[in-house]
């Protein structure tokens, strides 16, 4: 009689009835006294490629002291991928997830696949970021002037004051500009002739008036 959960084993029913003290309750199953092992082996998927030491050292230890009709779960490995100098090994899994004892030892096989380094897919490369166009820029329409800068002065046109000259006030600008004109040479001659004519006319008038006075 076997209680695997509590680790209790009784070789016969008589032994069970006389030695059981009630300290290990549970399910007891009658099994033969013989025990069996579950052995684990690794196999390469490629017949021409032997497993390296990095893979074989992951092989689990055999599961011992398993009774007939007992079910043993296949163990998990500490690593399922290994990289070597010539490529990469990948664990494909066990040929059975559980082993059921049937009056003999069991063998569970784990399969490994090899990928040469030359056939390993290259890691994906991230594309270079493409700058997105900006059709609506946001310029500054009113930039703040720099007080230390000296902007170029515009060149004044004909009749316009220089930027460095003081500009006249609005009253001065509204008054018409008085221009001084000098008499021309011909105008001066006419002026003198007219003056002489007035003088002669005055003398003639005085003479006539004197003659009239004498006759009276």
N, C-alpha and C. Protein backbone atom coordinates (compact mmCIF):
# COMPACT_ATOMS: atom_id res chain seq x y z
N UNK A 1 0.85 -1.19 0.00
CA UNK A 1 0.00 0.00 0.00
C UNK A 1 0.89 1.24 0.00
N UNK A 2 0.50 2.20 -0.90
CA UNK A 2 1.38 3.36 -1.12
C UNK A 2 0.55 4.64 -1.00
N UNK A 3 1.07 5.56 -0.23
CA UNK A 3 0.53 6.93 -0.19
C UNK A 3 1.68 7.85 -0.66
N UNK A 4 1.69 8.15 -1.98
CA UNK A 4 2.80 8.91 -2.55
C UNK A 4 2.85 10.33 -2.01
N UNK A 5 1.70 10.90 -1.68
CA UNK A 5 1.67 12.29 -1.20
C UNK A 5 2.37 12.41 0.14
N UNK A 6 2.18 11.44 1.00
CA UNK A 6 2.78 11.48 2.33
C UNK A 6 4.06 10.67 2.43
N UNK A 7 4.40 9.91 1.38
CA UNK A 7 5.62 9.09 1.41
C UNK A 7 5.52 7.84 2.26
N UNK A 8 4.32 7.36 2.46
CA UNK A 8 4.12 6.16 3.27
C UNK A 8 3.97 4.93 2.38
N UNK A 9 4.67 3.83 2.72
CA UNK A 9 4.60 2.59 1.97
C UNK A 9 4.44 1.43 2.98
N UNK A 10 3.45 0.59 2.70
CA UNK A 10 3.21 -0.60 3.53
C UNK A 10 3.27 -1.81 2.60
N UNK A 11 4.05 -2.78 3.01
CA UNK A 11 4.34 -3.91 2.12
C UNK A 11 3.19 -4.90 1.99
N UNK A 12 2.24 -4.86 2.92
CA UNK A 12 1.11 -5.80 2.86
C UNK A 12 -0.07 -5.18 3.59
N UNK A 13 -1.22 -5.83 3.41
CA UNK A 13 -2.41 -5.35 4.10
C UNK A 13 -2.27 -5.55 5.59
N UNK A 14 -1.67 -6.64 5.99
CA UNK A 14 -1.47 -6.89 7.42
C UNK A 14 -0.54 -5.82 8.00
N UNK A 15 0.50 -5.55 7.28
CA UNK A 15 1.44 -4.52 7.74
C UNK A 15 0.75 -3.16 7.83
N UNK A 16 -0.11 -2.88 6.85
CA UNK A 16 -0.83 -1.59 6.85
C UNK A 16 -1.73 -1.49 8.07
N UNK A 17 -2.48 -2.56 8.38
CA UNK A 17 -3.43 -2.54 9.47
C UNK A 17 -2.75 -2.49 10.83
N UNK A 18 -1.57 -3.03 10.93
CA UNK A 18 -0.89 -3.05 12.22
C UNK A 18 -0.02 -1.81 12.44
N UNK A 19 0.50 -1.21 11.34
CA UNK A 19 1.45 -0.12 11.51
C UNK A 19 0.82 1.27 11.28
N UNK A 20 -0.31 1.31 10.61
CA UNK A 20 -0.90 2.64 10.33
C UNK A 20 -1.39 3.27 11.62
N UNK A 21 -0.90 4.46 11.93
CA UNK A 21 -1.25 5.16 13.17
C UNK A 21 -2.16 6.36 12.95
N UNK A 22 -2.60 6.57 11.73
CA UNK A 22 -3.51 7.68 11.46
C UNK A 22 -2.84 9.03 11.28
N UNK A 23 -1.51 9.09 11.29
CA UNK A 23 -0.82 10.38 11.14
C UNK A 23 -0.68 10.81 9.69
N UNK A 24 -0.95 9.93 8.74
CA UNK A 24 -0.82 10.27 7.33
C UNK A 24 -2.07 9.87 6.58
N UNK A 25 -3.15 10.58 6.82
CA UNK A 25 -4.38 10.22 6.12
C UNK A 25 -4.28 10.57 4.64
N UNK A 26 -5.10 9.92 3.87
CA UNK A 26 -5.09 10.20 2.44
C UNK A 26 -5.44 8.96 1.66
N UNK A 27 -5.15 9.00 0.34
CA UNK A 27 -5.48 7.89 -0.56
C UNK A 27 -4.29 6.92 -0.63
N UNK A 28 -4.57 5.66 -0.33
CA UNK A 28 -3.55 4.61 -0.41
C UNK A 28 -3.90 3.68 -1.57
N UNK A 29 -2.91 3.39 -2.37
CA UNK A 29 -3.11 2.57 -3.56
C UNK A 29 -2.22 1.33 -3.45
N UNK A 30 -2.81 0.20 -3.85
CA UNK A 30 -2.03 -1.04 -3.82
C UNK A 30 -1.22 -1.13 -5.10
N UNK A 31 0.06 -1.16 -4.94
CA UNK A 31 0.98 -1.29 -6.06
C UNK A 31 1.99 -2.38 -5.72
N UNK A 32 2.62 -2.87 -6.81
CA UNK A 32 3.72 -3.79 -6.58
C UNK A 32 4.89 -3.06 -5.95
N UNK A 33 5.73 -3.74 -5.31
CA UNK A 33 6.86 -3.11 -4.62
C UNK A 33 7.97 -2.68 -5.57
N UNK A 34 7.94 -3.17 -6.79
CA UNK A 34 9.00 -2.79 -7.75
C UNK A 34 8.81 -1.34 -8.19
N UNK A 35 9.93 -0.62 -8.40
CA UNK A 35 9.91 0.77 -8.89
C UNK A 35 10.66 0.84 -10.21
N UNK A 36 10.33 1.89 -10.97
CA UNK A 36 10.90 2.05 -12.30
C UNK A 36 11.37 3.50 -12.48
N UNK A 37 12.21 3.70 -13.51
CA UNK A 37 12.79 5.02 -13.77
C UNK A 37 12.28 5.58 -15.10
N UNK A 38 12.33 6.91 -15.18
CA UNK A 38 12.05 7.61 -16.45
C UNK A 38 13.34 8.31 -16.85
N UNK A 39 13.89 7.90 -18.00
CA UNK A 39 15.14 8.46 -18.49
C UNK A 39 14.87 9.49 -19.58
N UNK A 40 15.67 10.55 -19.57
CA UNK A 40 15.51 11.64 -20.55
C UNK A 40 16.75 11.71 -21.41
N UNK A 41 16.51 11.85 -22.72
CA UNK A 41 17.61 11.94 -23.69
C UNK A 41 17.33 13.08 -24.65
N UNK A 42 18.41 13.63 -25.22
CA UNK A 42 18.31 14.68 -26.24
C UNK A 42 18.71 14.08 -27.59
N UNK A 43 18.10 14.61 -28.63
CA UNK A 43 18.39 14.15 -29.98
C UNK A 43 18.45 15.36 -30.92
N UNK A 44 19.40 15.35 -31.85
CA UNK A 44 19.52 16.42 -32.83
C UNK A 44 18.56 16.16 -33.98
N UNK A 45 17.91 17.21 -34.44
CA UNK A 45 16.99 17.07 -35.57
C UNK A 45 17.74 16.74 -36.86
N UNK A 46 19.00 17.18 -36.94
CA UNK A 46 19.83 16.90 -38.12
C UNK A 46 20.77 15.74 -37.78
N UNK A 47 20.70 14.69 -38.58
CA UNK A 47 21.51 13.51 -38.29
C UNK A 47 23.00 13.79 -38.41
N UNK A 48 23.38 14.76 -39.25
CA UNK A 48 24.80 15.05 -39.46
C UNK A 48 25.31 16.14 -38.52
N UNK A 49 24.50 16.58 -37.58
CA UNK A 49 24.92 17.65 -36.66
C UNK A 49 24.77 17.15 -35.23
N UNK A 50 25.90 16.96 -34.55
CA UNK A 50 25.90 16.46 -33.17
C UNK A 50 25.57 17.60 -32.22
N UNK A 51 24.99 17.23 -31.10
CA UNK A 51 24.65 18.22 -30.09
C UNK A 51 25.91 18.69 -29.38
N UNK A 52 26.06 20.00 -29.20
CA UNK A 52 27.23 20.51 -28.48
C UNK A 52 27.08 20.33 -26.97
N UNK A 53 28.17 20.57 -26.26
CA UNK A 53 28.15 20.41 -24.80
C UNK A 53 27.21 21.39 -24.15
N UNK A 54 27.03 22.59 -24.75
CA UNK A 54 26.14 23.59 -24.17
C UNK A 54 24.70 23.08 -24.10
N UNK A 55 24.33 22.15 -25.03
CA UNK A 55 22.99 21.59 -25.05
C UNK A 55 22.88 20.38 -24.11
N UNK A 56 23.84 19.48 -24.19
CA UNK A 56 23.75 18.24 -23.41
C UNK A 56 23.79 18.48 -21.90
N UNK A 57 24.41 19.59 -21.48
CA UNK A 57 24.46 19.84 -20.03
C UNK A 57 23.09 20.28 -19.48
N UNK A 58 22.12 20.56 -20.36
CA UNK A 58 20.76 20.90 -19.92
C UNK A 58 19.90 19.66 -19.71
N UNK A 59 20.44 18.47 -19.96
CA UNK A 59 19.67 17.24 -19.86
C UNK A 59 19.24 16.99 -18.41
N UNK A 60 17.92 16.80 -18.15
CA UNK A 60 17.47 16.56 -16.77
C UNK A 60 17.92 15.18 -16.27
N UNK A 61 17.98 15.08 -14.96
CA UNK A 61 18.29 13.78 -14.34
C UNK A 61 17.09 12.85 -14.46
N UNK A 62 17.33 11.56 -14.42
CA UNK A 62 16.25 10.59 -14.53
C UNK A 62 15.34 10.66 -13.31
N UNK A 63 14.07 10.37 -13.56
CA UNK A 63 13.08 10.32 -12.47
C UNK A 63 13.03 8.90 -11.94
N UNK A 64 13.42 8.69 -10.70
CA UNK A 64 13.54 7.35 -10.13
C UNK A 64 12.39 7.03 -9.18
N UNK A 65 12.32 5.73 -8.80
CA UNK A 65 11.37 5.20 -7.83
C UNK A 65 9.91 5.53 -8.20
N UNK A 66 9.57 5.18 -9.41
CA UNK A 66 8.19 5.33 -9.87
C UNK A 66 7.55 3.94 -9.93
N UNK A 67 6.37 3.84 -9.32
CA UNK A 67 5.69 2.56 -9.25
C UNK A 67 4.88 2.33 -10.51
N UNK A 68 4.47 1.09 -10.66
CA UNK A 68 3.71 0.70 -11.84
C UNK A 68 2.42 1.51 -11.93
N UNK A 69 2.08 1.90 -13.15
CA UNK A 69 0.90 2.70 -13.50
C UNK A 69 1.00 4.15 -13.00
N UNK A 70 2.13 4.53 -12.51
CA UNK A 70 2.29 5.93 -12.08
C UNK A 70 2.56 6.81 -13.30
N UNK A 71 2.04 8.05 -13.25
CA UNK A 71 2.22 9.02 -14.35
C UNK A 71 3.25 10.06 -13.94
N UNK A 72 4.26 10.28 -14.80
CA UNK A 72 5.35 11.20 -14.51
C UNK A 72 5.35 12.30 -15.57
N UNK A 73 5.28 13.54 -15.14
CA UNK A 73 5.29 14.69 -16.07
C UNK A 73 6.72 14.98 -16.56
N UNK A 74 6.82 15.29 -17.83
CA UNK A 74 8.13 15.65 -18.40
C UNK A 74 8.55 17.02 -17.86
N UNK A 75 9.83 17.18 -17.52
CA UNK A 75 10.28 18.42 -16.89
C UNK A 75 10.47 19.55 -17.90
N UNK A 76 10.51 20.78 -17.39
CA UNK A 76 10.84 21.95 -18.20
C UNK A 76 12.34 22.22 -18.14
N UNK A 77 12.88 22.74 -19.23
CA UNK A 77 14.31 23.04 -19.30
C UNK A 77 14.57 24.46 -18.82
N UNK A 78 15.78 24.68 -18.34
CA UNK A 78 16.16 26.03 -17.88
C UNK A 78 16.40 26.98 -19.05
N UNK A 79 16.64 26.43 -20.25
CA UNK A 79 16.84 27.26 -21.45
C UNK A 79 16.38 26.46 -22.65
N UNK A 80 15.74 27.13 -23.60
CA UNK A 80 15.26 26.47 -24.82
C UNK A 80 15.94 26.99 -26.07
N UNK A 81 16.84 27.96 -25.95
CA UNK A 81 17.61 28.47 -27.08
C UNK A 81 19.04 28.70 -26.64
N UNK A 82 19.98 28.27 -27.47
CA UNK A 82 21.40 28.43 -27.17
C UNK A 82 22.12 28.87 -28.44
N UNK A 83 22.99 29.85 -28.32
CA UNK A 83 23.76 30.35 -29.45
C UNK A 83 25.20 29.87 -29.31
N UNK A 84 25.70 29.25 -30.38
CA UNK A 84 27.08 28.78 -30.42
C UNK A 84 27.85 29.56 -31.47
N UNK A 85 29.12 29.20 -31.65
CA UNK A 85 29.96 29.94 -32.59
C UNK A 85 29.49 29.79 -34.03
N UNK A 86 28.87 28.64 -34.38
CA UNK A 86 28.48 28.40 -35.77
C UNK A 86 26.98 28.54 -36.01
N UNK A 87 26.19 28.84 -34.97
CA UNK A 87 24.76 28.99 -35.20
C UNK A 87 23.97 28.99 -33.91
N UNK A 88 22.70 28.57 -34.01
CA UNK A 88 21.80 28.59 -32.86
C UNK A 88 21.04 27.27 -32.77
N UNK A 89 20.88 26.76 -31.51
CA UNK A 89 20.12 25.56 -31.23
C UNK A 89 18.82 25.93 -30.55
N UNK A 90 17.71 25.31 -31.01
CA UNK A 90 16.38 25.59 -30.47
C UNK A 90 15.71 24.29 -30.04
N UNK A 91 15.19 24.28 -28.80
CA UNK A 91 14.51 23.07 -28.27
C UNK A 91 13.09 23.02 -28.82
N UNK A 92 12.76 21.90 -29.49
CA UNK A 92 11.45 21.72 -30.10
C UNK A 92 10.43 21.06 -29.17
N UNK A 93 10.91 20.50 -28.05
CA UNK A 93 9.99 19.88 -27.09
C UNK A 93 10.24 18.40 -26.92
N UNK A 94 9.55 17.80 -25.93
CA UNK A 94 9.63 16.37 -25.66
C UNK A 94 8.68 15.61 -26.58
N UNK A 95 9.03 14.35 -26.85
CA UNK A 95 8.15 13.54 -27.70
C UNK A 95 6.85 13.16 -26.98
N UNK A 96 6.81 13.29 -25.64
CA UNK A 96 5.58 13.08 -24.89
C UNK A 96 5.66 13.92 -23.62
N UNK A 97 4.54 14.54 -23.28
CA UNK A 97 4.50 15.44 -22.12
C UNK A 97 4.45 14.68 -20.80
N UNK A 98 3.96 13.44 -20.81
CA UNK A 98 3.91 12.59 -19.61
C UNK A 98 4.36 11.18 -19.97
N UNK A 99 4.88 10.50 -18.97
CA UNK A 99 5.27 9.09 -19.13
C UNK A 99 4.51 8.26 -18.12
N UNK A 100 3.83 7.21 -18.61
CA UNK A 100 3.06 6.33 -17.74
C UNK A 100 3.84 5.02 -17.54
N UNK A 101 4.12 4.69 -16.29
CA UNK A 101 4.89 3.48 -15.99
C UNK A 101 4.02 2.25 -16.26
N UNK A 102 4.56 1.32 -17.04
CA UNK A 102 3.82 0.08 -17.38
C UNK A 102 4.73 -1.12 -17.14
N UNK A 103 5.20 -1.26 -15.92
CA UNK A 103 6.02 -2.42 -15.55
C UNK A 103 7.42 -2.36 -16.11
N UNK A 104 7.87 -1.16 -16.58
CA UNK A 104 9.24 -1.06 -17.11
C UNK A 104 9.66 0.41 -17.08
N UNK A 105 10.97 0.62 -17.28
CA UNK A 105 11.47 1.99 -17.35
C UNK A 105 10.95 2.67 -18.62
N UNK A 106 10.84 3.99 -18.55
CA UNK A 106 10.36 4.79 -19.69
C UNK A 106 11.49 5.71 -20.17
N UNK A 107 11.44 6.05 -21.48
CA UNK A 107 12.41 6.97 -22.09
C UNK A 107 11.63 8.10 -22.76
N UNK A 108 12.03 9.31 -22.45
CA UNK A 108 11.41 10.51 -23.05
C UNK A 108 12.51 11.25 -23.80
N UNK A 109 12.23 11.57 -25.07
CA UNK A 109 13.24 12.19 -25.95
C UNK A 109 12.90 13.65 -26.23
N UNK A 110 13.91 14.48 -26.09
CA UNK A 110 13.76 15.91 -26.43
C UNK A 110 14.50 16.22 -27.72
N UNK A 111 13.84 16.96 -28.62
CA UNK A 111 14.39 17.22 -29.94
C UNK A 111 14.93 18.64 -30.02
N UNK A 112 16.14 18.79 -30.58
CA UNK A 112 16.77 20.09 -30.79
C UNK A 112 17.02 20.32 -32.28
N UNK A 113 16.75 21.56 -32.73
CA UNK A 113 16.97 21.94 -34.13
C UNK A 113 18.11 22.96 -34.20
N UNK A 114 18.92 22.83 -35.25
CA UNK A 114 20.08 23.71 -35.42
C UNK A 114 19.86 24.62 -36.63
N UNK A 115 20.19 25.90 -36.45
CA UNK A 115 20.13 26.89 -37.53
C UNK A 115 21.52 27.48 -37.71
N UNK A 116 22.17 27.23 -38.88
CA UNK A 116 23.51 27.80 -39.09
C UNK A 116 23.48 29.32 -39.03
N UNK A 117 24.63 29.88 -38.68
CA UNK A 117 24.70 31.34 -38.54
C UNK A 117 24.44 32.03 -39.86
N UNK A 118 24.89 31.45 -40.98
CA UNK A 118 24.69 32.09 -42.28
C UNK A 118 23.23 32.14 -42.68
N UNK A 119 22.40 31.24 -42.11
CA UNK A 119 20.98 31.20 -42.45
C UNK A 119 20.10 31.89 -41.43
N UNK A 120 20.70 32.41 -40.36
CA UNK A 120 19.90 33.10 -39.36
C UNK A 120 19.35 34.40 -39.95
N UNK A 121 18.07 34.67 -39.75
CA UNK A 121 17.52 35.93 -40.28
C UNK A 121 18.16 37.11 -39.60
N UNK A 122 18.50 38.11 -40.42
CA UNK A 122 19.10 39.33 -39.88
C UNK A 122 18.08 40.08 -39.03
N UNK A 123 18.54 40.68 -37.96
CA UNK A 123 17.59 41.44 -37.13
C UNK A 123 17.01 42.60 -37.92
N UNK A 124 15.73 42.86 -37.75
CA UNK A 124 15.11 43.96 -38.51
C UNK A 124 15.73 45.29 -38.15
N UNK A 125 15.95 46.08 -39.18
CA UNK A 125 16.49 47.42 -38.97
C UNK A 125 15.37 48.43 -39.05
N UNK A 126 15.41 49.36 -38.16
CA UNK A 126 14.40 50.41 -38.14
C UNK A 126 14.70 51.43 -39.23
N UNK A 127 13.70 51.79 -40.03
CA UNK A 127 13.94 52.78 -41.08
C UNK A 127 14.25 54.14 -40.50
N UNK A 128 15.02 54.90 -41.28
CA UNK A 128 15.34 56.26 -40.87
C UNK A 128 14.06 57.10 -40.86
N UNK A 129 13.88 57.91 -39.83
CA UNK A 129 12.67 58.75 -39.80
C UNK A 129 12.69 59.78 -40.91
N UNK A 130 11.56 59.88 -41.61
CA UNK A 130 11.41 60.85 -42.70
C UNK A 130 10.72 62.09 -42.15
N UNK A 131 11.36 63.25 -42.30
CA UNK A 131 10.71 64.46 -41.77
C UNK A 131 9.41 64.74 -42.50
N UNK A 132 8.40 65.07 -41.76
CA UNK A 132 7.10 65.39 -42.34
C UNK A 132 7.09 66.83 -42.83
N UNK A 133 6.53 67.05 -44.06
CA UNK A 133 6.46 68.43 -44.54
C UNK A 133 5.52 69.27 -43.71
N UNK A 134 5.85 70.56 -43.63
CA UNK A 134 5.03 71.49 -42.86
C UNK A 134 4.52 72.58 -43.81
N UNK A 135 3.34 72.33 -44.44
CA UNK A 135 2.86 73.31 -45.43
C UNK A 135 2.38 74.61 -44.82
N UNK A 136 2.16 74.66 -43.53
CA UNK A 136 1.64 75.87 -42.88
C UNK A 136 2.61 76.32 -41.79
N UNK A 137 3.71 76.90 -42.21
CA UNK A 137 4.63 77.39 -41.16
C UNK A 137 4.00 78.54 -40.39
N UNK A 138 4.50 78.83 -39.26
CA UNK A 138 3.96 79.87 -38.42
C UNK A 138 5.04 80.93 -38.18
N UNK A 139 5.27 81.79 -39.21
CA UNK A 139 6.30 82.82 -39.01
C UNK A 139 5.83 83.90 -38.05
N UNK A 140 6.76 84.66 -37.57
CA UNK A 140 6.46 85.75 -36.65
C UNK A 140 6.28 87.03 -37.47
N UNK A 141 4.99 87.49 -37.65
CA UNK A 141 4.81 88.67 -38.51
C UNK A 141 5.30 89.96 -37.88
N UNK A 142 5.41 90.00 -36.57
CA UNK A 142 5.85 91.23 -35.88
C UNK A 142 7.06 90.92 -35.01
N UNK A 143 8.21 90.77 -35.64
CA UNK A 143 9.39 90.46 -34.82
C UNK A 143 9.76 91.64 -33.93
N UNK A 144 10.27 91.34 -32.78
CA UNK A 144 10.70 92.38 -31.84
C UNK A 144 12.01 92.97 -32.32
N UNK A 145 12.05 94.30 -32.53
CA UNK A 145 13.30 94.89 -33.04
C UNK A 145 14.39 94.85 -31.99
N UNK A 146 15.60 94.69 -32.47
CA UNK A 146 16.76 94.67 -31.59
C UNK A 146 17.19 96.11 -31.37
N UNK A 147 17.19 96.59 -30.09
CA UNK A 147 17.58 98.00 -29.85
C UNK A 147 19.03 98.29 -30.19
N UNK A 148 19.87 97.25 -30.24
CA UNK A 148 21.29 97.47 -30.54
C UNK A 148 21.59 97.39 -32.02
N UNK A 149 20.58 96.99 -32.80
CA UNK A 149 20.84 96.87 -34.23
C UNK A 149 20.72 98.24 -34.89
N UNK A 150 21.35 98.40 -36.05
CA UNK A 150 21.34 99.66 -36.80
C UNK A 150 20.81 99.35 -38.18
N UNK A 151 19.48 99.39 -38.34
CA UNK A 151 18.93 99.01 -39.65
C UNK A 151 19.36 99.99 -40.73
N UNK A 152 19.44 99.50 -41.92
CA UNK A 152 19.85 100.33 -43.05
C UNK A 152 18.78 101.39 -43.32
N UNK A 153 19.24 102.62 -43.56
CA UNK A 153 18.33 103.73 -43.83
C UNK A 153 18.00 103.75 -45.32
N UNK A 154 16.73 103.98 -45.67
CA UNK A 154 16.39 104.03 -47.10
C UNK A 154 16.96 105.29 -47.75
N UNK A 155 17.30 105.19 -49.01
CA UNK A 155 17.84 106.32 -49.77
C UNK A 155 16.68 107.22 -50.16
N UNK A 156 16.71 108.53 -49.77
CA UNK A 156 15.58 109.43 -50.10
C UNK A 156 15.52 109.70 -51.59
N UNK A 157 14.30 109.86 -52.09
CA UNK A 157 14.11 110.19 -53.49
C UNK A 157 14.25 111.69 -53.72
N UNK A 158 14.13 112.12 -54.96
CA UNK A 158 14.24 113.56 -55.27
C UNK A 158 13.16 114.36 -54.53
N UNK A 159 13.59 115.43 -53.85
CA UNK A 159 12.66 116.29 -53.12
C UNK A 159 12.27 115.78 -51.77
N UNK A 160 12.79 114.60 -51.35
CA UNK A 160 12.47 114.05 -50.03
C UNK A 160 13.60 114.32 -49.07
N UNK A 161 13.29 114.62 -47.81
CA UNK A 161 14.35 114.92 -46.83
C UNK A 161 15.10 113.67 -46.45
N UNK A 162 16.35 113.84 -46.07
CA UNK A 162 17.17 112.74 -45.59
C UNK A 162 16.64 112.29 -44.24
N UNK A 163 16.72 111.00 -43.92
CA UNK A 163 16.23 110.53 -42.61
C UNK A 163 16.94 111.20 -41.46
N UNK A 164 18.21 111.65 -41.66
CA UNK A 164 18.93 112.28 -40.56
C UNK A 164 18.55 113.75 -40.37
N UNK A 165 17.88 114.38 -41.38
CA UNK A 165 17.49 115.78 -41.26
C UNK A 165 16.16 115.87 -40.52
N UNK A 166 15.98 116.91 -39.68
CA UNK A 166 14.68 117.07 -38.97
C UNK A 166 13.59 117.42 -39.96
N UNK A 167 12.45 116.80 -39.79
CA UNK A 167 11.33 117.06 -40.67
C UNK A 167 10.50 118.22 -40.14
N UNK A 168 9.94 119.00 -41.06
CA UNK A 168 9.15 120.17 -40.68
C UNK A 168 7.84 119.71 -40.09
N UNK A 169 7.27 120.57 -39.24
CA UNK A 169 6.00 120.27 -38.62
C UNK A 169 4.89 120.30 -39.65
N UNK A 170 3.69 119.85 -39.23
CA UNK A 170 2.55 119.80 -40.16
C UNK A 170 2.18 121.19 -40.64
N UNK A 171 2.29 122.25 -39.72
CA UNK A 171 1.94 123.61 -40.13
C UNK A 171 2.91 124.12 -41.18
N UNK A 172 4.19 123.79 -40.95
CA UNK A 172 5.18 124.26 -41.93
C UNK A 172 5.00 123.54 -43.25
N UNK A 173 4.59 122.26 -43.17
CA UNK A 173 4.43 121.55 -44.43
C UNK A 173 3.20 122.02 -45.17
N UNK A 174 2.15 122.52 -44.42
CA UNK A 174 0.91 122.95 -45.09
C UNK A 174 1.04 124.32 -45.73
N UNK A 175 2.01 125.20 -45.28
CA UNK A 175 2.17 126.53 -45.86
C UNK A 175 2.83 126.43 -47.22
N UNK A 176 2.33 127.21 -48.17
CA UNK A 176 2.95 127.16 -49.51
C UNK A 176 4.36 127.76 -49.46
N UNK A 177 5.19 127.20 -50.19
CA UNK A 177 6.58 127.63 -50.24
C UNK A 177 6.71 128.87 -51.11
N UNK A 178 7.26 129.95 -50.53
CA UNK A 178 7.45 131.22 -51.24
C UNK A 178 8.81 131.23 -51.90
N UNK A 179 8.76 131.42 -53.18
CA UNK A 179 9.99 131.42 -53.94
C UNK A 179 10.38 132.87 -54.29
N UNK A 180 11.60 133.18 -54.13
CA UNK A 180 12.14 134.51 -54.50
C UNK A 180 12.65 134.45 -55.92
N UNK A 181 12.08 135.41 -56.74
CA UNK A 181 12.48 135.44 -58.16
C UNK A 181 13.23 136.72 -58.42
N UNK A 182 14.27 136.67 -59.13
CA UNK A 182 15.08 137.83 -59.52
C UNK A 182 14.63 138.32 -60.89
N UNK A 183 14.58 139.64 -61.08
CA UNK A 183 14.19 140.17 -62.40
C UNK A 183 15.19 139.79 -63.46
N UNK A 184 14.64 139.50 -64.59
CA UNK A 184 15.49 139.18 -65.73
C UNK A 184 16.08 140.45 -66.34
N UNK A 185 17.07 140.31 -67.23
CA UNK A 185 17.76 141.48 -67.84
C UNK A 185 16.80 142.29 -68.69
N UNK A 186 15.94 141.66 -69.47
CA UNK A 186 15.00 142.39 -70.32
C UNK A 186 13.97 143.13 -69.50
N UNK A 187 13.53 142.56 -68.37
CA UNK A 187 12.56 143.23 -67.53
C UNK A 187 13.16 144.50 -66.92
N UNK A 188 14.44 144.51 -66.59
CA UNK A 188 15.10 145.71 -66.03
C UNK A 188 15.13 146.87 -67.04
N UNK A 189 15.41 146.59 -68.31
CA UNK A 189 15.44 147.64 -69.34
C UNK A 189 14.06 148.25 -69.52
N UNK A 190 13.02 147.45 -69.54
CA UNK A 190 11.66 147.97 -69.70
C UNK A 190 11.28 148.84 -68.51
N UNK A 191 11.77 148.44 -67.33
CA UNK A 191 11.46 149.23 -66.14
C UNK A 191 12.07 150.64 -66.24
N UNK A 192 13.31 150.71 -66.68
CA UNK A 192 13.95 152.04 -66.81
C UNK A 192 13.28 152.89 -67.90
N UNK A 193 12.92 152.34 -69.00
CA UNK A 193 12.27 153.10 -70.08
C UNK A 193 10.93 153.63 -69.64
N UNK A 194 10.19 152.80 -68.87
CA UNK A 194 8.89 153.28 -68.39
C UNK A 194 9.06 154.43 -67.42
N UNK A 195 10.10 154.36 -66.59
CA UNK A 195 10.34 155.44 -65.62
C UNK A 195 10.67 156.75 -66.36
N UNK A 196 11.52 156.65 -67.40
CA UNK A 196 11.88 157.86 -68.18
C UNK A 196 10.66 158.42 -68.88
N UNK A 197 9.80 157.52 -69.36
CA UNK A 197 8.60 157.99 -70.06
C UNK A 197 7.69 158.78 -69.12
N UNK A 198 7.55 158.24 -67.87
CA UNK A 198 6.72 158.95 -66.89
C UNK A 198 7.32 160.32 -66.55
N UNK A 199 8.62 160.38 -66.46
CA UNK A 199 9.26 161.68 -66.14
C UNK A 199 9.04 162.69 -67.28
N UNK A 200 9.25 162.27 -68.52
CA UNK A 200 9.05 163.17 -69.67
C UNK A 200 7.60 163.60 -69.78
N UNK A 201 6.70 162.67 -69.50
CA UNK A 201 5.30 163.02 -69.55
C UNK A 201 4.96 164.05 -68.49
N UNK A 202 5.60 163.94 -67.32
CA UNK A 202 5.35 164.91 -66.28
C UNK A 202 5.88 166.29 -66.64
N UNK A 203 7.07 166.31 -67.25
CA UNK A 203 7.66 167.60 -67.65
C UNK A 203 6.79 168.24 -68.72
N UNK A 204 6.32 167.47 -69.66
CA UNK A 204 5.49 168.02 -70.72
C UNK A 204 4.19 168.57 -70.15
N UNK A 205 3.66 167.86 -69.19
CA UNK A 205 2.40 168.34 -68.60
C UNK A 205 2.63 169.66 -67.85
N UNK A 206 3.77 169.80 -67.16
CA UNK A 206 4.06 171.06 -66.44
C UNK A 206 4.26 172.21 -67.42
N UNK A 207 4.89 171.92 -68.55
CA UNK A 207 5.12 172.97 -69.55
C UNK A 207 3.81 173.48 -70.13
N UNK A 208 2.93 172.59 -70.43
CA UNK A 208 1.63 172.99 -70.99
C UNK A 208 0.85 173.79 -69.97
N UNK A 209 0.89 173.38 -68.75
CA UNK A 209 0.15 174.11 -67.72
C UNK A 209 0.75 175.49 -67.52
N UNK A 210 2.08 175.64 -67.67
CA UNK A 210 2.71 176.96 -67.52
C UNK A 210 2.31 177.87 -68.64
N UNK A 211 2.25 177.42 -69.86
CA UNK A 211 1.87 178.25 -70.99
C UNK A 211 0.41 178.71 -70.84
N UNK A 212 -0.41 177.86 -70.39
CA UNK A 212 -1.83 178.22 -70.21
C UNK A 212 -1.94 179.30 -69.14
N UNK A 213 -1.11 179.24 -68.13
CA UNK A 213 -1.17 180.19 -67.04
C UNK A 213 -0.70 181.58 -67.52
N UNK A 214 0.28 181.59 -68.37
CA UNK A 214 0.78 182.88 -68.87
C UNK A 214 -0.24 183.56 -69.75
N UNK A 215 -0.97 182.89 -70.57
CA UNK A 215 -1.96 183.51 -71.45
C UNK A 215 -3.09 184.11 -70.65
N UNK A 216 -3.41 183.60 -69.59
CA UNK A 216 -4.47 184.14 -68.74
C UNK A 216 -3.97 185.35 -67.99
